Amino acid sequence: MEISKAAVAGTLESSDCMVTVEPGSGTVELDLESAVMRQFGKQIRKVILETLERLDVTNAKVTVVDKGALDCTIKARVECAVYRSNDVKDKLPWGGAIR
């Protein structure tokens, strides 16, 4: 899926994350900031990249500010931001592409 325009999903509240997606420059560029980076940084990065892969996103700039979100929340925020960037509003395949 192509990233058509910048889009945001999530909040900066505790146990949540804010995901911003923007059109990229040929690859997936991930900028991650997390309150729990030392403990869970590798896992958070893995969840984000796997979610983008399952959505067939290959060209995007993704910025994530994590405040201790669970994996399921991170997946949902990434998925939502990607769909918002493409103005997908009808027949949303929530959870269909994400396993």
N, C-alpha and C. Protein backbone atom coordinates (compact mmCIF):
# COMPACT_ATOMS: atom_id res chain seq x y z
N MET A 1 0.85 -1.17 0.00
CA MET A 1 0.00 0.00 0.00
C MET A 1 0.89 1.23 0.00
N GLU A 2 0.54 2.17 -0.80
CA GLU A 2 1.31 3.40 -0.91
C GLU A 2 0.86 4.41 0.14
N ILE A 3 1.78 5.19 0.65
CA ILE A 3 1.46 6.27 1.58
C ILE A 3 1.22 7.51 0.74
N SER A 4 -0.03 7.94 0.65
CA SER A 4 -0.40 9.06 -0.23
C SER A 4 -0.13 10.42 0.38
N LYS A 5 -0.37 10.53 1.67
CA LYS A 5 -0.20 11.82 2.36
C LYS A 5 0.12 11.54 3.82
N ALA A 6 0.56 12.56 4.53
CA ALA A 6 0.87 12.40 5.95
C ALA A 6 -0.40 12.11 6.74
N ALA A 7 -0.27 11.23 7.72
CA ALA A 7 -1.40 10.88 8.57
C ALA A 7 -0.89 10.48 9.95
N VAL A 8 -1.74 10.68 10.96
CA VAL A 8 -1.37 10.41 12.35
C VAL A 8 -2.45 9.55 13.00
N ALA A 9 -2.01 8.67 13.89
CA ALA A 9 -2.94 7.88 14.71
C ALA A 9 -2.34 7.74 16.10
N GLY A 10 -3.18 7.79 17.11
CA GLY A 10 -2.74 7.60 18.48
C GLY A 10 -2.60 8.90 19.25
N THR A 11 -2.15 8.75 20.50
CA THR A 11 -1.98 9.89 21.40
C THR A 11 -0.64 9.77 22.11
N LEU A 12 -0.33 10.77 22.90
CA LEU A 12 0.88 10.74 23.71
C LEU A 12 0.57 10.43 25.16
N GLU A 13 -0.59 9.81 25.39
CA GLU A 13 -0.97 9.40 26.74
C GLU A 13 -0.18 8.15 27.14
N SER A 14 -0.13 7.90 28.43
CA SER A 14 0.53 6.71 28.94
C SER A 14 -0.11 5.46 28.36
N SER A 15 0.68 4.46 28.04
CA SER A 15 0.24 3.18 27.48
C SER A 15 -0.30 3.30 26.06
N ASP A 16 0.09 4.34 25.34
CA ASP A 16 -0.33 4.53 23.96
C ASP A 16 0.91 4.92 23.14
N CYS A 17 0.72 5.14 21.86
CA CYS A 17 1.80 5.64 21.02
C CYS A 17 1.19 6.50 19.93
N MET A 18 1.98 7.42 19.41
CA MET A 18 1.55 8.25 18.30
C MET A 18 2.37 7.86 17.09
N VAL A 19 1.67 7.46 16.03
CA VAL A 19 2.31 7.02 14.80
C VAL A 19 2.02 8.04 13.71
N THR A 20 3.07 8.51 13.05
CA THR A 20 2.94 9.41 11.92
C THR A 20 3.55 8.73 10.71
N VAL A 21 2.80 8.68 9.61
CA VAL A 21 3.32 8.15 8.36
C VAL A 21 3.31 9.26 7.32
N GLU A 22 4.35 9.26 6.49
CA GLU A 22 4.49 10.24 5.42
C GLU A 22 5.06 9.53 4.20
N PRO A 23 4.84 10.08 3.01
CA PRO A 23 5.46 9.49 1.83
C PRO A 23 6.98 9.43 2.01
N GLY A 24 7.57 8.36 1.55
CA GLY A 24 8.99 8.14 1.75
C GLY A 24 9.83 8.52 0.55
N SER A 25 11.09 8.13 0.63
CA SER A 25 12.03 8.41 -0.46
C SER A 25 12.62 7.12 -1.01
N GLY A 26 11.78 6.09 -1.12
CA GLY A 26 12.22 4.84 -1.72
C GLY A 26 12.31 3.65 -0.79
N THR A 27 12.38 3.90 0.51
CA THR A 27 12.47 2.80 1.48
C THR A 27 11.60 3.14 2.68
N VAL A 28 11.53 2.23 3.61
CA VAL A 28 10.85 2.49 4.88
C VAL A 28 11.89 3.05 5.85
N GLU A 29 11.65 4.26 6.28
CA GLU A 29 12.53 4.92 7.25
C GLU A 29 11.76 5.04 8.56
N LEU A 30 12.30 4.44 9.61
CA LEU A 30 11.61 4.42 10.91
C LEU A 30 12.38 5.22 11.93
N ASP A 31 11.68 6.18 12.54
CA ASP A 31 12.24 6.97 13.64
C ASP A 31 11.41 6.62 14.87
N LEU A 32 12.04 6.00 15.85
CA LEU A 32 11.35 5.51 17.04
C LEU A 32 11.87 6.19 18.30
N GLU A 33 10.95 6.71 19.09
CA GLU A 33 11.26 7.26 20.40
C GLU A 33 10.36 6.54 21.39
N SER A 34 10.94 6.01 22.46
CA SER A 34 10.13 5.25 23.41
C SER A 34 10.60 5.47 24.84
N ALA A 35 9.62 5.52 25.73
CA ALA A 35 9.91 5.64 27.16
C ALA A 35 10.52 4.34 27.69
N VAL A 36 10.35 3.25 26.95
CA VAL A 36 10.85 1.94 27.38
C VAL A 36 11.82 1.37 26.34
N MET A 37 12.59 2.24 25.70
CA MET A 37 13.48 1.83 24.62
C MET A 37 14.48 0.77 25.05
N ARG A 38 15.09 0.94 26.19
CA ARG A 38 16.11 -0.03 26.64
C ARG A 38 15.54 -1.42 26.86
N GLN A 39 14.35 -1.49 27.41
CA GLN A 39 13.75 -2.80 27.70
C GLN A 39 13.11 -3.42 26.47
N PHE A 40 12.40 -2.63 25.65
CA PHE A 40 11.55 -3.19 24.61
C PHE A 40 11.78 -2.61 23.22
N GLY A 41 12.82 -1.82 23.03
CA GLY A 41 13.05 -1.15 21.75
C GLY A 41 13.10 -2.10 20.56
N LYS A 42 13.80 -3.22 20.68
CA LYS A 42 13.90 -4.17 19.58
C LYS A 42 12.54 -4.76 19.22
N GLN A 43 11.75 -5.10 20.24
CA GLN A 43 10.42 -5.67 20.01
C GLN A 43 9.48 -4.64 19.38
N ILE A 44 9.53 -3.41 19.84
CA ILE A 44 8.67 -2.36 19.28
C ILE A 44 9.01 -2.16 17.81
N ARG A 45 10.29 -2.05 17.50
CA ARG A 45 10.73 -1.87 16.11
C ARG A 45 10.26 -3.06 15.25
N LYS A 46 10.40 -4.26 15.77
CA LYS A 46 9.98 -5.47 15.05
C LYS A 46 8.49 -5.43 14.75
N VAL A 47 7.67 -5.08 15.74
CA VAL A 47 6.21 -5.03 15.56
C VAL A 47 5.83 -4.00 14.49
N ILE A 48 6.46 -2.84 14.53
CA ILE A 48 6.16 -1.78 13.56
C ILE A 48 6.52 -2.24 12.15
N LEU A 49 7.72 -2.76 11.97
CA LEU A 49 8.17 -3.17 10.64
C LEU A 49 7.37 -4.35 10.10
N GLU A 50 7.01 -5.31 10.96
CA GLU A 50 6.19 -6.44 10.52
C GLU A 50 4.80 -5.97 10.09
N THR A 51 4.23 -5.02 10.83
CA THR A 51 2.92 -4.49 10.49
C THR A 51 2.96 -3.77 9.14
N LEU A 52 3.97 -2.96 8.93
CA LEU A 52 4.12 -2.28 7.64
C LEU A 52 4.29 -3.28 6.50
N GLU A 53 5.06 -4.33 6.76
CA GLU A 53 5.27 -5.36 5.74
C GLU A 53 3.96 -6.05 5.38
N ARG A 54 3.17 -6.38 6.38
CA ARG A 54 1.89 -7.06 6.12
C ARG A 54 0.91 -6.17 5.38
N LEU A 55 1.08 -4.85 5.51
CA LEU A 55 0.25 -3.90 4.78
C LEU A 55 0.86 -3.53 3.43
N ASP A 56 1.97 -4.17 3.07
CA ASP A 56 2.68 -3.93 1.82
C ASP A 56 3.15 -2.48 1.67
N VAL A 57 3.57 -1.89 2.77
CA VAL A 57 4.14 -0.54 2.74
C VAL A 57 5.64 -0.69 2.57
N THR A 58 6.15 -0.18 1.45
CA THR A 58 7.59 -0.31 1.16
C THR A 58 8.27 1.04 0.98
N ASN A 59 7.50 2.11 1.01
CA ASN A 59 8.05 3.44 0.78
C ASN A 59 7.36 4.42 1.72
N ALA A 60 7.98 4.68 2.88
CA ALA A 60 7.34 5.57 3.86
C ALA A 60 8.36 6.07 4.88
N LYS A 61 8.06 7.22 5.41
CA LYS A 61 8.78 7.73 6.57
C LYS A 61 7.82 7.57 7.73
N VAL A 62 8.21 6.79 8.72
CA VAL A 62 7.35 6.49 9.86
C VAL A 62 8.01 6.99 11.13
N THR A 63 7.26 7.78 11.89
CA THR A 63 7.74 8.29 13.17
C THR A 63 6.81 7.77 14.26
N VAL A 64 7.39 7.15 15.27
CA VAL A 64 6.60 6.60 16.37
C VAL A 64 7.14 7.14 17.68
N VAL A 65 6.23 7.72 18.47
CA VAL A 65 6.56 8.15 19.83
C VAL A 65 5.75 7.25 20.74
N ASP A 66 6.45 6.36 21.43
CA ASP A 66 5.81 5.33 22.26
C ASP A 66 5.85 5.74 23.73
N LYS A 67 4.74 5.52 24.39
CA LYS A 67 4.64 5.80 25.83
C LYS A 67 4.27 4.53 26.60
N GLY A 68 4.82 3.39 26.15
CA GLY A 68 4.59 2.13 26.84
C GLY A 68 3.41 1.33 26.29
N ALA A 69 3.12 1.49 25.00
CA ALA A 69 2.00 0.79 24.38
C ALA A 69 2.29 -0.70 24.25
N LEU A 70 1.24 -1.51 24.36
CA LEU A 70 1.34 -2.94 24.11
C LEU A 70 1.46 -3.19 22.61
N ASP A 71 1.93 -4.38 22.23
CA ASP A 71 2.08 -4.72 20.81
C ASP A 71 0.79 -4.53 20.03
N CYS A 72 -0.34 -4.96 20.59
CA CYS A 72 -1.62 -4.85 19.88
C CYS A 72 -1.99 -3.39 19.62
N THR A 73 -1.64 -2.51 20.54
CA THR A 73 -1.90 -1.08 20.35
C THR A 73 -1.01 -0.51 19.27
N ILE A 74 0.24 -0.90 19.26
CA ILE A 74 1.17 -0.42 18.25
C ILE A 74 0.70 -0.86 16.86
N LYS A 75 0.31 -2.12 16.72
CA LYS A 75 -0.20 -2.62 15.44
C LYS A 75 -1.41 -1.82 14.99
N ALA A 76 -2.35 -1.59 15.90
CA ALA A 76 -3.57 -0.87 15.56
C ALA A 76 -3.27 0.57 15.13
N ARG A 77 -2.36 1.22 15.81
CA ARG A 77 -2.00 2.62 15.47
C ARG A 77 -1.32 2.69 14.11
N VAL A 78 -0.41 1.77 13.82
CA VAL A 78 0.27 1.76 12.53
C VAL A 78 -0.76 1.51 11.43
N GLU A 79 -1.60 0.53 11.62
CA GLU A 79 -2.63 0.19 10.64
C GLU A 79 -3.55 1.39 10.39
N CYS A 80 -3.99 2.04 11.43
CA CYS A 80 -4.88 3.19 11.32
C CYS A 80 -4.21 4.34 10.56
N ALA A 81 -2.97 4.64 10.88
CA ALA A 81 -2.26 5.73 10.21
C ALA A 81 -2.11 5.45 8.71
N VAL A 82 -1.80 4.21 8.36
CA VAL A 82 -1.65 3.85 6.95
C VAL A 82 -2.98 4.00 6.23
N TYR A 83 -4.06 3.51 6.82
CA TYR A 83 -5.37 3.64 6.19
C TYR A 83 -5.78 5.11 6.07
N ARG A 84 -5.53 5.89 7.09
CA ARG A 84 -5.86 7.33 7.03
C ARG A 84 -5.08 8.02 5.93
N SER A 85 -3.84 7.63 5.72
CA SER A 85 -3.02 8.27 4.69
C SER A 85 -3.59 8.03 3.30
N ASN A 86 -4.38 6.99 3.15
CA ASN A 86 -4.97 6.65 1.87
C ASN A 86 -6.46 6.93 1.81
N ASP A 87 -6.98 7.62 2.80
CA ASP A 87 -8.42 7.95 2.88
C ASP A 87 -9.31 6.72 2.79
N VAL A 88 -8.86 5.60 3.32
CA VAL A 88 -9.67 4.39 3.37
C VAL A 88 -10.69 4.57 4.49
N LYS A 89 -11.97 4.63 4.11
CA LYS A 89 -13.02 4.86 5.10
C LYS A 89 -14.11 3.80 5.07
N ASP A 90 -14.31 3.19 3.93
CA ASP A 90 -15.35 2.18 3.78
C ASP A 90 -14.73 0.80 3.69
N LYS A 91 -15.43 -0.17 4.22
CA LYS A 91 -14.99 -1.56 4.16
C LYS A 91 -13.57 -1.73 4.68
N LEU A 92 -13.31 -1.15 5.82
CA LEU A 92 -11.99 -1.26 6.43
C LEU A 92 -11.68 -2.71 6.79
N PRO A 93 -10.53 -3.20 6.36
CA PRO A 93 -10.15 -4.58 6.67
C PRO A 93 -9.44 -4.67 8.03
N TRP A 94 -10.00 -4.05 9.07
CA TRP A 94 -9.35 -4.03 10.38
C TRP A 94 -8.96 -5.43 10.80
N GLY A 95 -7.72 -5.57 11.09
CA GLY A 95 -7.23 -6.84 11.59
C GLY A 95 -7.08 -7.91 10.52
N GLY A 96 -7.59 -7.65 9.34
CA GLY A 96 -7.49 -8.63 8.27
C GLY A 96 -6.08 -8.83 7.79
N ALA A 97 -5.36 -7.75 7.62
CA ALA A 97 -3.97 -7.83 7.14
C ALA A 97 -3.01 -8.06 8.29
N ILE A 98 -3.43 -7.74 9.49
CA ILE A 98 -2.56 -7.84 10.64
C ILE A 98 -2.89 -9.10 11.43
N ARG A 99 -1.88 -9.90 11.66
CA ARG A 99 -2.10 -11.14 12.42
C ARG A 99 -1.16 -11.15 13.59
